[in-house]
Protein backbone atom coordinates (compact mmCIF):
# COMPACT_ATOMS: atom_id res chain seq x y z
CA MET A 1 -35.73 15.06 -5.17
CA GLN A 2 -33.58 17.96 -4.01
CA PHE A 3 -35.88 18.55 -1.04
CA ASN A 4 -35.49 14.93 0.04
CA ILE A 5 -31.71 15.09 -0.17
CA PHE A 6 -31.52 18.26 1.93
CA THR A 7 -33.89 16.76 4.50
CA LEU A 8 -31.71 13.69 4.69
CA LEU A 9 -28.49 15.65 5.13
CA ASN A 10 -30.03 17.83 7.84
CA GLU A 11 -30.72 14.69 9.86
CA ILE A 12 -27.11 13.52 9.69
CA THR A 13 -24.79 14.43 12.57
CA MET A 14 -21.76 15.92 10.86
CA THR A 15 -18.45 16.24 12.66
CA GLY A 16 -15.83 18.73 11.61
CA LYS A 17 -13.69 15.91 10.20
CA ILE A 18 -16.29 14.67 7.71
CA LYS A 19 -18.19 17.80 6.67
CA ILE A 20 -16.34 18.14 3.42
CA MET A 21 -17.02 14.59 2.26
CA THR A 22 -20.66 14.72 3.29
CA ALA A 23 -21.01 17.95 1.36
CA ALA A 24 -19.32 16.38 -1.61
CA ILE A 25 -21.71 13.44 -1.46
CA ALA A 26 -24.61 15.88 -1.34
CA ALA A 27 -23.22 17.69 -4.33
CA VAL A 28 -22.89 14.49 -6.30
CA LEU A 29 -26.44 13.45 -5.47
CA MET A 30 -27.78 16.91 -6.28
CA PHE A 31 -25.90 17.02 -9.54
CA SER A 32 -27.15 13.56 -10.55
CA ALA A 33 -30.70 14.46 -9.59
CA SER A 34 -30.59 17.68 -11.58
CA ILE A 35 -29.33 15.82 -14.65
CA CYS A 36 -32.17 13.33 -14.34
CA ALA A 37 -34.69 16.12 -13.90
CA GLN A 38 -33.36 18.03 -16.89
CA ALA A 39 -33.39 14.88 -18.99
CA ALA A 40 -37.04 14.35 -18.09
CA ASP A 41 -37.95 17.97 -18.82
CA ASN A 42 -36.07 18.09 -22.12
CA SER A 43 -37.51 14.85 -23.39
CA GLY A 44 -40.94 16.37 -23.74
CA LYS A 45 -42.42 13.55 -21.66
CA PRO A 46 -44.41 14.34 -18.50
CA ARG A 47 -42.49 13.86 -15.26
CA ILE A 48 -43.54 10.89 -13.14
CA ARG A 49 -44.74 11.96 -9.71
CA LYS A 50 -43.64 9.65 -6.94
CA ASN A 51 -45.83 8.72 -4.05
CA LYS A 52 -44.94 9.02 -0.39
CA THR A 53 -43.90 5.37 -0.08
CA GLN A 54 -41.44 5.68 -2.98
CA LEU A 55 -39.93 8.86 -1.53
CA ILE A 56 -39.51 7.25 1.90
CA LYS A 57 -37.80 4.24 0.31
CA GLU A 58 -35.43 6.52 -1.63
CA ASN A 59 -34.59 8.46 1.51
CA THR A 60 -33.90 5.23 3.41
CA GLU A 61 -31.53 4.00 0.71
CA LEU A 62 -29.74 7.35 0.57
CA THR A 63 -29.45 7.41 4.35
CA ALA A 64 -27.78 4.00 4.35
CA THR A 65 -25.36 5.06 1.59
CA VAL A 66 -24.34 8.32 3.27
CA ASP A 67 -24.05 6.69 6.68
CA SER A 68 -21.78 4.02 5.22
CA LEU A 69 -19.52 6.59 3.58
CA THR A 70 -19.52 8.72 6.72
CA ALA A 71 -18.42 5.77 8.85
CA GLU A 72 -15.70 4.86 6.38
CA ILE A 73 -14.31 8.39 6.34
CA GLU A 74 -14.29 8.55 10.14
CA ARG A 75 -12.41 5.24 10.27
CA TYR A 76 -9.75 6.49 7.88
CA ARG A 77 -9.47 9.71 9.87
CA LYS A 78 -8.80 7.81 13.10
CA GLU A 79 -6.24 5.58 11.41
CA MET A 80 -4.38 8.56 10.05
CA GLN A 81 -4.29 10.27 13.43
CA LYS A 82 -2.61 7.17 14.91
CA SER A 83 -0.10 6.79 12.10
CA ASP A 84 3.28 8.47 12.27
CA SER A 85 3.78 8.35 8.54
CA LEU A 86 3.28 10.11 5.27
CA ALA A 87 -0.45 9.85 5.87
CA SER A 88 -0.24 12.20 8.86
CA GLU A 89 1.32 14.86 6.70
CA ILE A 90 -1.30 14.38 4.02
CA MET A 91 -4.03 14.70 6.66
CA ASP A 92 -2.75 18.16 7.55
CA ILE A 93 -2.93 19.14 3.90
CA TYR A 94 -6.42 17.71 3.65
CA GLU A 95 -7.62 19.63 6.70
CA GLU A 96 -6.10 22.86 5.40
CA GLU A 97 -7.81 22.55 2.06
CA ARG A 98 -11.05 21.50 3.76
CA GLU A 99 -11.13 24.67 5.83
CA LYS A 100 -10.71 26.74 2.69
CA SER A 101 -13.69 24.98 1.15
CA GLN A 102 -16.13 25.22 4.06
CA SER A 103 -17.33 28.63 2.96
CA ILE A 104 -18.91 27.07 -0.14
CA SER A 105 -22.68 26.96 0.24
CA PRO A 106 -24.72 24.08 -1.19
CA GLU A 107 -26.33 26.24 -3.82
CA ASN A 108 -22.91 27.13 -5.21
CA TYR A 109 -21.77 23.57 -5.82
CA THR A 110 -20.75 22.81 -9.40
CA PRO A 111 -19.37 19.65 -10.99
CA GLU A 112 -15.90 21.26 -10.89
CA VAL A 113 -16.16 22.03 -7.16
CA THR A 114 -17.45 18.55 -6.48
CA ASP A 115 -14.53 16.96 -8.33
CA SER A 116 -12.11 19.07 -6.32
CA LEU A 117 -13.60 17.99 -3.01
CA LEU A 118 -13.70 14.35 -4.02
CA ASN A 119 -10.08 14.47 -5.18
CA LEU A 120 -9.09 15.86 -1.77
CA TRP A 121 -10.90 12.96 -0.17
CA TYR A 122 -9.07 10.56 -2.48
CA LEU A 123 -5.80 12.14 -1.42
CA HIS A 124 -6.79 11.62 2.21
CA ARG A 125 -8.01 8.06 1.79
CA ILE A 126 -5.45 6.50 -0.52
CA LEU A 127 -2.37 7.83 1.19
CA SER A 128 -3.81 6.96 4.61
CA ASP A 129 -3.31 3.33 3.66
CA ASN A 130 0.35 3.96 2.88
CA GLU A 131 -0.45 2.93 -0.63
CA THR A 132 1.70 4.02 -3.48
CA GLU A 133 -1.21 4.49 -5.80
CA HIS A 134 -1.53 7.89 -7.44
CA PHE A 135 -4.45 9.66 -9.01
CA ASP A 136 -5.10 12.79 -11.00
CA MET A 137 -5.26 16.12 -9.22
CA ASP A 138 -6.79 17.97 -12.15
CA SER A 139 -9.29 19.87 -10.07
CA VAL A 140 -7.21 20.43 -6.94
CA ARG A 141 -5.46 23.79 -6.80
CA PHE A 142 -2.71 24.18 -4.23
CA GLU A 143 -1.58 27.71 -3.50
CA SER A 144 2.08 28.81 -3.47
CA ASN A 145 4.03 32.07 -3.38
CA VAL A 146 6.38 30.74 -6.05
CA PRO A 147 5.37 32.06 -9.51
CA ASP A 148 4.94 29.70 -12.43
CA GLU A 149 7.85 31.26 -14.30
CA VAL A 150 10.20 30.30 -11.44
CA TYR A 151 9.06 26.66 -11.57
CA ILE A 152 9.46 26.65 -15.36
CA ARG A 153 12.95 28.14 -15.18
CA ARG A 154 14.12 25.70 -12.50
CA ILE A 155 12.80 22.68 -14.39
CA LYS A 156 14.59 23.89 -17.53
CA GLU A 157 17.84 24.38 -15.58
CA MET A 158 17.72 20.76 -14.38
CA ASN A 159 18.82 19.76 -17.92
CA SER A 160 17.09 16.43 -17.57
CA PHE A 161 17.57 13.78 -20.23
CA ILE A 162 13.86 13.09 -19.77
CA LYS A 163 11.44 15.71 -21.10
CA LEU A 164 9.83 17.17 -17.98
CA PRO A 165 6.41 18.72 -18.62
CA TYR A 166 4.92 21.67 -16.74
CA ASN A 167 1.24 22.51 -16.34
CA SER A 168 -1.27 23.03 -13.53
CA ILE A 169 -1.26 19.33 -12.60
CA VAL A 170 2.54 19.16 -12.43
CA ARG A 171 2.51 22.39 -10.43
CA ASN A 172 0.22 20.79 -7.82
CA TYR A 173 2.62 17.89 -7.32
CA ILE A 174 5.61 20.20 -7.08
CA ILE A 175 3.84 22.13 -4.32
CA LEU A 176 2.73 18.88 -2.67
CA TYR A 177 6.27 17.58 -2.31
CA SER A 178 8.15 20.85 -1.78
CA GLU A 179 5.70 22.71 0.49
CA LYS A 180 2.74 20.70 1.68
CA MET A 181 4.92 17.77 2.75
CA ALA A 182 7.76 19.92 4.04
CA LYS A 183 7.67 18.30 7.49
CA ARG A 184 8.12 14.85 5.98
CA MET A 185 10.73 15.75 3.39
CA PRO A 186 13.79 16.08 5.70
CA GLU A 187 13.55 12.39 6.59
CA LEU A 188 12.98 11.46 2.96
CA LEU A 189 15.94 13.52 1.78
CA GLY A 190 18.07 11.84 4.45
CA LEU A 191 17.14 8.49 2.94
CA CYS A 192 17.86 9.91 -0.51
CA SER A 193 21.43 10.69 0.50
CA TYR A 194 21.86 7.00 1.32
CA TYR A 195 19.95 5.28 -1.50
CA MET A 196 20.16 7.62 -4.49
CA PRO A 197 23.93 7.17 -5.12
CA ILE A 198 23.26 3.42 -5.23
CA PHE A 199 20.44 3.86 -7.75
CA GLU A 200 22.49 6.27 -9.87
CA GLU A 201 25.27 3.70 -10.19
CA ILE A 202 22.79 0.94 -11.07
CA PHE A 203 20.92 3.03 -13.65
CA ASP A 204 24.20 4.14 -15.20
CA GLU A 205 25.16 0.47 -15.51
CA HIS A 206 21.90 -0.20 -17.38
CA GLU A 207 22.35 2.96 -19.50
CA ILE A 208 19.10 4.62 -18.52
CA PRO A 209 18.59 8.19 -17.20
CA GLU A 210 19.55 8.50 -13.55
CA GLU A 211 16.61 10.86 -13.01
CA LEU A 212 14.40 7.77 -12.92
CA LYS A 213 15.67 7.18 -9.39
CA ALA A 214 12.93 9.56 -8.19
CA MET A 215 10.35 6.88 -9.00
CA ALA A 216 11.30 5.05 -5.81
CA ILE A 217 9.92 8.03 -3.87
CA ILE A 218 6.56 7.72 -5.58
CA GLU A 219 6.47 3.96 -5.24
CA SER A 220 7.35 3.52 -1.58
CA PHE A 221 8.69 6.72 -0.05
CA LEU A 222 12.00 4.79 0.02
CA ASN A 223 10.63 2.08 2.30
CA PRO A 224 12.29 -1.26 1.36
CA THR A 225 9.64 -3.29 3.21
CA ALA A 226 6.58 -1.47 1.82
CA VAL A 227 3.60 -3.71 0.99
CA SER A 228 0.51 -2.58 -0.89
CA ARG A 229 -2.99 -4.01 -0.60
CA VAL A 230 -2.66 -5.63 -4.02
CA GLY A 231 0.52 -7.46 -3.01
CA ALA A 232 3.24 -5.25 -4.51
CA ARG A 233 6.33 -5.29 -2.30
CA GLY A 234 9.58 -3.51 -1.72
CA MET A 235 11.01 -0.09 -2.49
CA TRP A 236 10.20 -0.54 -6.18
CA GLN A 237 6.80 -2.19 -5.57
CA PHE A 238 7.06 -5.30 -7.73
CA MET A 239 4.18 -7.71 -8.08
CA TYR A 240 5.01 -11.39 -7.70
CA SER A 241 4.88 -12.38 -11.39
CA THR A 242 6.78 -9.33 -12.62
CA ALA A 243 9.47 -9.85 -9.99
CA LYS A 244 9.90 -13.46 -11.06
CA HIS A 245 10.10 -12.40 -14.70
CA TYR A 246 12.98 -10.04 -13.91
CA GLY A 247 14.90 -12.62 -11.93
CA LEU A 248 14.07 -11.65 -8.36
CA ARG A 249 14.11 -14.65 -6.02
CA ILE A 250 11.01 -15.25 -3.89
CA ASP A 251 10.75 -18.31 -1.66
CA SER A 252 10.17 -19.35 1.93
CA PHE A 253 13.26 -17.56 3.20
CA VAL A 254 13.98 -14.76 0.75
CA ASP A 255 12.01 -12.03 -1.02
CA GLU A 256 14.43 -10.05 -3.17
CA ARG A 257 11.76 -7.47 -3.89
CA MET A 258 12.77 -6.16 -0.46
CA ASP A 259 16.42 -5.92 -1.51
CA PRO A 260 16.94 -2.28 -2.57
CA VAL A 261 19.89 -3.15 -4.81
CA LYS A 262 18.50 -6.19 -6.64
CA SER A 263 15.04 -4.67 -6.99
CA ALA A 264 16.61 -1.49 -8.43
CA HIS A 265 18.38 -3.63 -11.04
CA ALA A 266 15.03 -5.24 -11.89
CA ALA A 267 13.34 -1.81 -12.08
CA ALA A 268 16.08 -0.59 -14.44
CA GLU A 269 15.57 -3.60 -16.69
CA TYR A 270 11.80 -3.06 -16.75
CA LEU A 271 12.13 0.64 -17.59
CA LYS A 272 14.64 -0.09 -20.34
CA ASP A 273 12.28 -2.68 -21.83
CA ALA A 274 9.37 -0.23 -21.62
CA TYR A 275 11.39 2.50 -23.33
CA ASN A 276 12.30 0.11 -26.14
CA ILE A 277 8.57 -0.49 -26.62
CA PHE A 278 7.29 3.10 -26.51
CA GLY A 279 10.37 5.19 -27.37
CA ASP A 280 9.41 7.75 -24.73
CA TRP A 281 10.51 7.91 -21.10
CA ASN A 282 7.26 9.46 -19.87
CA LEU A 283 5.30 6.56 -21.34
CA ALA A 284 7.81 4.11 -19.86
CA ILE A 285 7.28 5.73 -16.45
CA ALA A 286 3.49 5.49 -16.85
CA SER A 287 3.73 1.82 -17.84
CA TYR A 288 5.65 1.10 -14.64
CA ASN A 289 2.50 2.06 -12.75
CA CYS A 290 -0.24 0.49 -14.86
CA GLY A 291 1.55 -1.92 -17.23
CA ALA A 292 2.44 -1.71 -20.90
CA GLY A 293 -0.97 -3.13 -21.87
CA ASN A 294 -2.89 -0.22 -20.36
CA VAL A 295 -0.55 2.30 -21.96
CA ASN A 296 -1.09 0.63 -25.35
CA LYS A 297 -4.86 0.83 -24.84
CA ALA A 298 -4.57 4.54 -24.06
CA ILE A 299 -2.45 5.06 -27.19
CA ARG A 300 -5.07 3.35 -29.36
CA ARG A 301 -7.93 5.31 -27.81
CA SER A 302 -6.07 8.59 -28.38
CA GLY A 303 -5.78 7.82 -32.08
CA GLY A 304 -2.22 6.49 -31.97
CA SER A 305 -0.46 9.42 -30.28
CA LEU A 306 2.76 8.70 -28.37
CA ALA A 307 2.65 11.96 -26.41
CA PHE A 308 1.89 11.50 -22.71
CA TRP A 309 -0.57 14.39 -22.43
CA ASP A 310 -2.47 13.18 -25.49
CA ILE A 311 -3.08 9.78 -23.91
CA TYR A 312 -3.52 11.26 -20.41
CA PRO A 313 -7.38 11.16 -20.42
CA TYR A 314 -7.34 7.50 -21.48
CA LEU A 315 -4.97 6.22 -18.80
CA PRO A 316 -6.26 4.57 -15.61
CA ARG A 317 -7.17 7.18 -13.02
CA GLU A 318 -4.39 6.20 -10.62
CA THR A 319 -1.79 6.47 -13.41
CA ARG A 320 -2.63 9.95 -14.64
CA GLY A 321 -0.86 11.60 -11.75
CA TYR A 322 2.16 9.30 -11.86
CA VAL A 323 4.31 11.28 -14.32
CA PRO A 324 3.41 14.65 -12.70
CA ALA A 325 4.28 13.15 -9.30
CA PHE A 326 7.61 12.01 -10.75
CA VAL A 327 8.35 15.58 -11.83
CA GLY A 328 7.30 16.91 -8.42
CA ALA A 329 9.55 14.45 -6.57
CA LEU A 330 12.52 15.09 -8.88
CA TYR A 331 12.08 18.85 -8.57
CA THR A 332 12.04 18.67 -4.77
CA MET A 333 15.15 16.48 -4.67
CA THR A 334 16.92 19.17 -6.71
CA TYR A 335 15.61 22.41 -5.17
CA TYR A 336 14.88 21.50 -1.55
CA LYS A 337 17.30 24.19 -0.31
CA GLU A 338 15.31 26.88 -2.12
CA HIS A 339 12.29 25.77 -0.11
CA GLY A 340 14.11 25.86 3.22
CA ILE A 341 14.25 22.07 3.68
CA THR A 342 17.24 20.51 5.43
CA PRO A 343 17.89 16.76 5.05
CA GLN A 344 17.68 14.79 8.28
CA ALA A 345 20.35 12.28 9.20
CA VAL A 346 19.15 8.66 9.12
CA SER A 347 20.20 5.73 11.26
CA LEU A 348 21.61 3.70 8.36
CA PRO A 349 25.41 3.47 8.45
CA GLU A 350 27.30 5.54 5.89
CA LEU A 351 29.79 2.74 5.27
CA THR A 352 28.92 -0.94 4.92
CA ASP A 353 30.80 -4.10 4.13
CA THR A 354 29.55 -7.10 2.18
CA PHE A 355 30.18 -10.77 2.91
CA LYS A 356 29.30 -13.89 0.94
CA ILE A 357 27.41 -16.47 3.00
CA ASN A 358 27.60 -20.12 1.94
CA LYS A 359 25.98 -21.73 4.99
CA MET A 360 22.68 -21.30 6.79
CA LEU A 361 23.04 -18.43 9.24
CA HIS A 362 20.62 -16.71 11.64
CA PHE A 363 20.72 -12.98 12.42
CA LYS A 364 20.78 -13.78 16.15
CA GLN A 365 23.97 -15.79 15.67
CA ILE A 366 25.61 -12.74 14.11
CA SER A 367 24.18 -10.34 16.67
CA GLU A 368 25.15 -12.30 19.77
CA VAL A 369 28.63 -13.28 18.58
CA VAL A 370 29.71 -10.19 16.64
CA GLY A 371 27.66 -7.65 18.55
CA ILE A 372 25.74 -6.12 15.64
CA PRO A 373 22.22 -5.07 16.71
CA THR A 374 19.62 -7.32 15.14
CA GLN A 375 17.67 -4.29 13.92
CA SER A 376 20.74 -3.06 12.00
CA LEU A 377 20.98 -6.43 10.27
CA LYS A 378 17.29 -6.28 9.36
CA ASP A 379 17.59 -2.71 8.07
CA LEU A 380 20.55 -3.58 5.84
CA ASN A 381 19.21 -6.98 4.75
CA PRO A 382 15.39 -6.65 4.52
CA GLN A 383 15.12 -9.44 1.93
CA TYR A 384 15.52 -12.21 4.53
CA LYS A 385 11.99 -12.85 5.75
CA HIS A 386 12.76 -14.92 8.85
CA GLU A 387 16.13 -13.42 9.80
CA ILE A 388 17.70 -16.53 8.28
CA ILE A 389 20.18 -16.54 5.39
CA PRO A 390 19.74 -19.90 3.56
CA GLY A 391 23.37 -20.05 2.43
CA ASN A 392 23.29 -23.85 2.27
CA GLU A 393 21.05 -23.64 -0.83
CA ARG A 394 23.04 -21.02 -2.75
CA GLU A 395 25.42 -18.13 -2.11
CA TYR A 396 23.83 -15.08 -0.52
CA ILE A 397 25.03 -11.61 0.40
CA LEU A 398 25.13 -10.16 3.91
CA LYS A 399 25.58 -6.44 4.53
CA ILE A 400 26.88 -5.22 7.88
CA PRO A 401 28.09 -1.86 9.23
CA TYR A 402 31.72 -1.39 8.26
CA SER A 403 32.74 -0.83 11.88
CA TYR A 404 31.95 -4.49 12.62
CA SER A 405 33.89 -5.95 9.69
CA ASN A 406 36.98 -6.99 11.63
CA SER A 407 34.93 -8.59 14.38
CA PHE A 408 32.90 -10.53 11.83
CA ILE A 409 36.06 -11.85 10.16
CA ASP A 410 37.54 -12.86 13.52
CA HIS A 411 34.43 -14.82 14.54
CA GLU A 412 33.24 -16.08 11.14
CA ASP A 413 34.33 -19.68 11.69
CA SER A 414 32.53 -19.95 15.03
CA LEU A 415 29.37 -18.15 13.94
CA TYR A 416 27.74 -21.09 12.21
CA ASN A 417 27.92 -23.42 15.22
CA TYR A 418 26.70 -20.92 17.81
CA LYS A 419 23.21 -22.01 19.02
CA ALA A 420 22.72 -23.76 15.67
CA THR A 421 20.56 -26.54 17.12
CA GLU A 422 18.31 -23.95 18.76
CA LEU A 423 18.06 -21.24 16.11
CA LEU A 424 18.27 -23.49 13.03
CA ASN A 425 16.38 -26.48 14.36
CA PRO A 426 15.24 -28.80 11.53
CA VAL A 427 11.66 -28.57 12.80
CA VAL A 428 11.76 -24.78 12.56
CA ILE A 429 13.31 -24.89 9.09
CA LYS A 430 10.72 -27.42 7.85
CA LYS A 431 7.94 -25.25 9.24
CA ILE A 432 9.22 -22.29 7.23
CA LYS A 433 9.62 -24.34 4.07
CA ASP A 434 6.10 -25.74 4.43
CA GLY A 435 4.87 -22.19 4.12
CA GLY A 436 5.75 -22.16 0.41
CA ASP A 437 6.97 -18.81 -0.76
CA GLY A 438 5.05 -17.03 1.97
CA GLU A 439 3.03 -15.01 -0.52
CA ARG A 440 -0.35 -14.40 1.11
CA ILE A 441 -2.86 -12.65 -1.12
CA VAL A 442 -6.32 -11.31 -0.40
CA HIS A 443 -8.36 -11.60 -3.60
CA LYS A 444 -11.52 -9.52 -4.03
CA VAL A 445 -14.08 -11.40 -6.11
CA ARG A 446 -15.12 -9.58 -9.27
CA ASN A 447 -18.24 -9.88 -11.35
CA GLY A 448 -18.27 -13.08 -13.40
CA GLU A 449 -15.52 -14.82 -11.41
CA VAL A 450 -15.89 -18.38 -10.15
CA LEU A 451 -13.63 -20.43 -7.91
CA GLY A 452 -12.21 -22.37 -10.85
CA ARG A 453 -11.03 -19.23 -12.63
CA ILE A 454 -9.53 -17.82 -9.40
CA ALA A 455 -7.74 -21.12 -8.73
CA MET A 456 -6.23 -21.09 -12.24
CA LYS A 457 -5.05 -17.52 -11.78
CA TYR A 458 -3.13 -18.32 -8.59
CA ARG A 459 -2.11 -21.88 -9.57
CA CYS A 460 -3.87 -23.65 -6.77
CA SER A 461 -6.93 -25.87 -6.48
CA VAL A 462 -10.56 -25.04 -5.75
CA SER A 463 -10.50 -27.31 -2.71
CA GLN A 464 -7.55 -25.37 -1.30
CA ILE A 465 -9.35 -22.04 -1.68
CA LYS A 466 -12.39 -23.52 0.03
CA ARG A 467 -10.26 -24.89 2.87
CA TRP A 468 -8.36 -21.64 3.40
CA ASN A 469 -11.59 -19.66 3.55
CA ASN A 470 -13.93 -22.12 5.31
CA LEU A 471 -16.24 -22.35 2.29
CA ARG A 472 -18.80 -25.18 2.36
CA SER A 473 -19.82 -24.74 -1.27
CA ASP A 474 -18.51 -23.31 -4.54
CA ASN A 475 -20.76 -20.26 -4.22
CA ILE A 476 -18.99 -16.92 -3.90
CA ARG A 477 -20.29 -13.36 -4.16
CA VAL A 478 -19.01 -10.22 -5.85
CA GLY A 479 -16.92 -8.20 -3.42
CA GLN A 480 -16.11 -11.17 -1.20
CA ARG A 481 -12.48 -11.31 -0.04
CA LEU A 482 -10.66 -14.63 -0.29
CA VAL A 483 -7.30 -15.53 1.21
CA ILE A 484 -5.01 -17.15 -1.36
CA TYR A 485 -1.57 -18.63 -0.73
CA ARG A 486 0.68 -18.37 -3.75
CA GLY A 487 1.85 -21.75 -4.97
CA GLY A 488 -0.96 -23.56 -3.19
CA ARG A 489 0.75 -23.88 0.20
CA ALA A 490 -0.29 -21.98 3.30
CA PRO A 491 1.99 -21.38 6.28
CA SER A 492 1.60 -24.12 8.84
CA THR A 493 0.41 -21.59 11.41
CA VAL A 494 -2.68 -20.78 9.35
CA SER A 495 -5.75 -22.76 10.20
CA SER A 496 -7.52 -24.50 7.39
CA THR A 497 -10.80 -23.22 8.75
CA SER A 498 -9.96 -19.53 8.90
CA ALA A 499 -11.89 -17.18 6.64
CA ALA A 500 -10.66 -13.93 5.14
CA GLY A 501 -11.97 -11.04 7.12
CA SER A 502 -14.74 -13.14 8.60
CA SER A 503 -16.00 -13.08 12.15
CA ALA A 504 -18.45 -15.87 11.60
CA GLN A 505 -16.40 -18.44 13.46
CA LYS A 506 -18.30 -19.80 16.43
CA PRO A 507 -16.69 -19.46 19.88
CA SER A 508 -16.99 -23.18 20.44
CA GLN A 509 -15.05 -23.81 17.24
CA ALA A 510 -12.49 -21.11 17.87
CA THR A 511 -11.54 -22.45 21.27
CA LYS A 512 -10.79 -25.94 20.06
CA SER A 513 -7.33 -27.08 19.10
CA SER A 514 -6.44 -30.40 17.59
CA GLY A 515 -5.09 -32.70 20.25
CA ASN A 516 -5.32 -30.05 22.99
CA VAL A 517 -7.85 -29.44 25.72
CA SER A 518 -9.09 -25.88 25.82
CA ARG A 519 -9.10 -24.06 29.08
CA THR A 520 -10.21 -20.69 30.33
CA SER A 521 -7.93 -18.23 32.05
CA SER A 522 -8.86 -16.36 35.18
CA ALA A 523 -9.74 -13.40 32.97
CA GLY A 524 -12.31 -15.49 31.16
CA THR A 525 -10.34 -15.71 27.91
CA PRO A 526 -10.44 -19.15 26.25
CA GLN A 527 -6.98 -20.58 25.65
CA SER A 528 -5.22 -23.53 24.11
CA SER A 529 -1.62 -24.59 24.17
CA SER A 530 -0.92 -22.75 20.88
CA TYR A 531 -3.14 -19.68 21.00
CA THR A 532 -5.45 -17.51 23.07
CA VAL A 533 -8.94 -16.59 21.89
CA TYR A 534 -9.58 -12.88 22.30
CA THR A 535 -12.87 -11.02 21.89
CA VAL A 536 -12.48 -7.67 20.11
CA LYS A 537 -13.74 -4.69 22.09
CA SER A 538 -15.20 -1.47 20.74
CA GLY A 539 -12.59 0.96 19.46
CA GLU A 540 -9.80 -1.62 19.34
CA SER A 541 -7.47 -2.16 16.40
CA LEU A 542 -5.18 -5.09 15.70
CA TYR A 543 -2.24 -2.90 16.68
CA LEU A 544 -3.73 -2.13 20.11
CA ILE A 545 -4.64 -5.78 20.66
CA ALA A 546 -1.14 -6.95 19.70
CA LYS A 547 0.38 -4.61 22.29
CA LYS A 548 -1.43 -6.57 25.01
CA PHE A 549 0.46 -9.74 24.10
CA PRO A 550 4.29 -9.58 24.34
CA GLY A 551 6.09 -10.62 21.19
CA VAL A 552 2.94 -10.58 19.04
CA SER A 553 2.51 -8.19 16.11
CA ALA A 554 -0.61 -7.18 14.20
CA GLN A 555 0.74 -9.09 11.19
CA ASN A 556 1.12 -12.21 13.37
CA ILE A 557 -2.57 -12.00 14.26
CA MET A 558 -3.65 -11.47 10.64
CA ASP A 559 -1.58 -14.39 9.39
CA PHE A 560 -2.69 -16.72 12.21
CA ASN A 561 -6.37 -15.99 11.60
CA GLY A 562 -6.25 -15.52 7.83
CA ILE A 563 -7.88 -12.11 8.09
CA GLY A 564 -7.25 -8.56 6.97
CA SER A 565 -6.89 -5.49 9.17
CA ASN A 566 -10.64 -4.87 9.44
CA ILE A 567 -12.09 -6.18 12.70
CA LYS A 568 -15.39 -5.61 14.47
CA PRO A 569 -16.42 -5.48 18.15
CA GLY A 570 -17.44 -8.92 19.36
CA MET A 571 -15.30 -10.68 16.75
CA LYS A 572 -13.27 -13.57 18.20
CA ILE A 573 -9.68 -13.86 17.03
CA ARG A 574 -6.88 -16.20 17.99
CA ILE A 575 -3.68 -14.74 19.42
CA PRO A 576 -0.68 -16.99 18.71
CA LYS A 577 1.65 -17.80 21.58
CA ILE A 578 5.09 -16.63 20.51
């Protein structure tokens, strides 16, 4: 078995960017094979010799598996190289640690080494998606010139109300934030200077430790518009149901999960509730990541212990590193000067003013009359999804730079009438409202799930799921991705025949538009009055395609086609005309 694995790996073309993962895969396969061999030898039963056909079949299956993983790793590598984000910084760390590991020969692989390599790959992959998921770093060992006793002393001197643990795992996260991510930290600390005083005031109001403010770093890197693959949104990464439970408004126009202030109030309420349940802040922090139910399960499996490190092995993998990451982020916020990090000034205004809006108002009305840049309005008011404040339904808050306060007051009476028929056209407003709450979810089918159960979960009908995903029957498969629109209503721009992540749509179908005659441009691209059909070329991403069409974003394309970010060469997608 080992001979076959080595033969297979020798036939694979390994680039410098994927050597470490390929080696890790080899190690896993070797380790599994050795266990099987030992089990056979120790059982006292004679080993079954495999014929040539069986060995060829095994090698073919292994080749397909390794090739698939290799392609996936290369795709993530390319995405990270294009991204000017936290992922870029993590990629540097990954490459550094990879180089240190390349001296390891195959015969020296152990389960511990394998776990370390795989954890580095997890670090690379998960953060490349700008996800806020965290995982254990038990087997990863980051190097630092700072002795353990210095870390211990500094943590003790923080005098935190929350008991802050220190061990090898916590140490890794401290080094990750304070040293490995040193290039990214100045920007983050600049954002901290703006947001953290707000969170401190809110947490003091709710009578919870202000140190919990560091959780926003772990959740979103202080990005108020962050969105995870599972649908969590905002700086504090609330899921839809949890947000609703804690009073955050989500509808066609507003998503208060994106409001840093209101979502921080909701986060404070959740943490206070969790502390009342567990009586320990570390457990409350863990429950914020995985839910109180999973923490309770871990407590039961540990024999009833309420100590975080006792239940640590029983927590979900992504939650184990959450508390250590919290300590690492809090440490770095406190001792960044000792690590030579200087906060970077951010574009957000130091002083803002707040106005109550009781009528429907568009950001462009404010921008063109008062002179405030539209981007500034979006940065300060990220909760308004369509740049519209629906003040006619209830009272809403508008934040503006303080320097524009007098101008806003002087023009407030005339604001609401400026281009109202154009910007707040009833047709446009109805179109937005018809989109329901705008919550688009991609559901991955799990084993045992049927359409009826999925429909009940998202409070929609089976027929709607079939229509949104172009399903001709009730048959679905494990792993299939389905587009779901929360509340049962899809945006009017989404075709009822679009399928999630599917390229199976025929060109003849894709070029048709109800009530419109398709035509072909001089470039040979089929068009209609509402969209252009584009054929994906090799090496293209949705971002690169969107750049070819003025005013169109990658998200516009995904929403219009009902697809995710994964596209393939030859796939035909519709580009909306904006």
